[in-house]
């Protein structure tokens, strides 16, 4: 029997978010390298395809097992296996839990992945504790800006950047599926897709810029594809702005890519990101992108005027002008569209996997 090195991935779940999707793809990449992959999830949500064996702490919670006992189950699971490495993709905001996990549970080489630039959803609020827990640990930022930001903030000694991987073949295949909604199928539109949450995605900015632009006059609708806490509020806001006839809301789908593929361009207006995969996904489908220059990721993905447009954040006028540029400057639009797919080659899974392979061999 051939021995396969065991690797443990830790994530909040395998559904809903970008970090969770990245973990699922990570499991497939590492399995393809010959590792035996185990995935520990904190919540019982599995929406993404993965490779390996799941250890579901969320089920223990559903069975009434308290937090301390769940941590003990987690410790025993880690001790039971001879893991070559642990890759932790969670946010680490609860100070006492992270102290226990890092000091008493993780006894094997551990890689902590940082998925967001926003420290309040990435680390606990105690700067000194973060410094003590992580300054000597191996950290991976999913964007260069993330790596530099937290390296300075917590004086981290061992930080490197490995971008989230793009599952190019899967997206191409799913993008071929048929759009069943005839209203959308017969519309010309631009798209936002993702979590409908104004606190992070700043969709009011998108609505204001769309109203100010000339897209409505040109018969170009705005498709909001997703679900979240602000769907109702934003529907009301579109009515307040008198643009509701031109804004289409559609709930999140397991496969958004046929809708993305048909869009003229995709728009991102986030207050902050980590490494926004929606930009890579859109570009992989030959759809140009417009994004605000938020922290972090868009400036690493978008080459202004080459594969998309990068605009100052929180600037309604400049965002609306960018939208109009793609409608009225056909040469600019066609240039960006022609460069979309080739611009994201280095982010494809077959390239990113090489970087993980080098890192793991260095442990």
Foldseek 3Di string as FASTA:
>chain_A
DDDAAEEEEEEQECDADDLNVLSQVVQVLVVVVRHAYEYEHAAYDHQHHHDHHYDYLNVVVVVVNDDVVSVVVLQVVQVVDPHLEYEYSYAAADLVVLVCCQPPRPPHQYEYEAWWQDNNRRHHPDLQSCLVRAQAHAYEAQDPLSQVNVCVSNVRDHYDYQHRFDALVVLVVLLPDDDPPVVLVPAAEEEEEGEPDCVFQVCVLVLLLVLVACCVVVRYAYEYEEYYDCPVVVCVVCVVSPNNVRYHYHYHDSRCNNSLLRYQAYETQTQIGRADCVCLSSLSSLHAYEYECHYDHPVVQDDDLQQYHYHHHPDSNGSSVRVNCCVPVVVSSVRNSVRRNVSCVCRHSVNSSVVVVVVSVVD
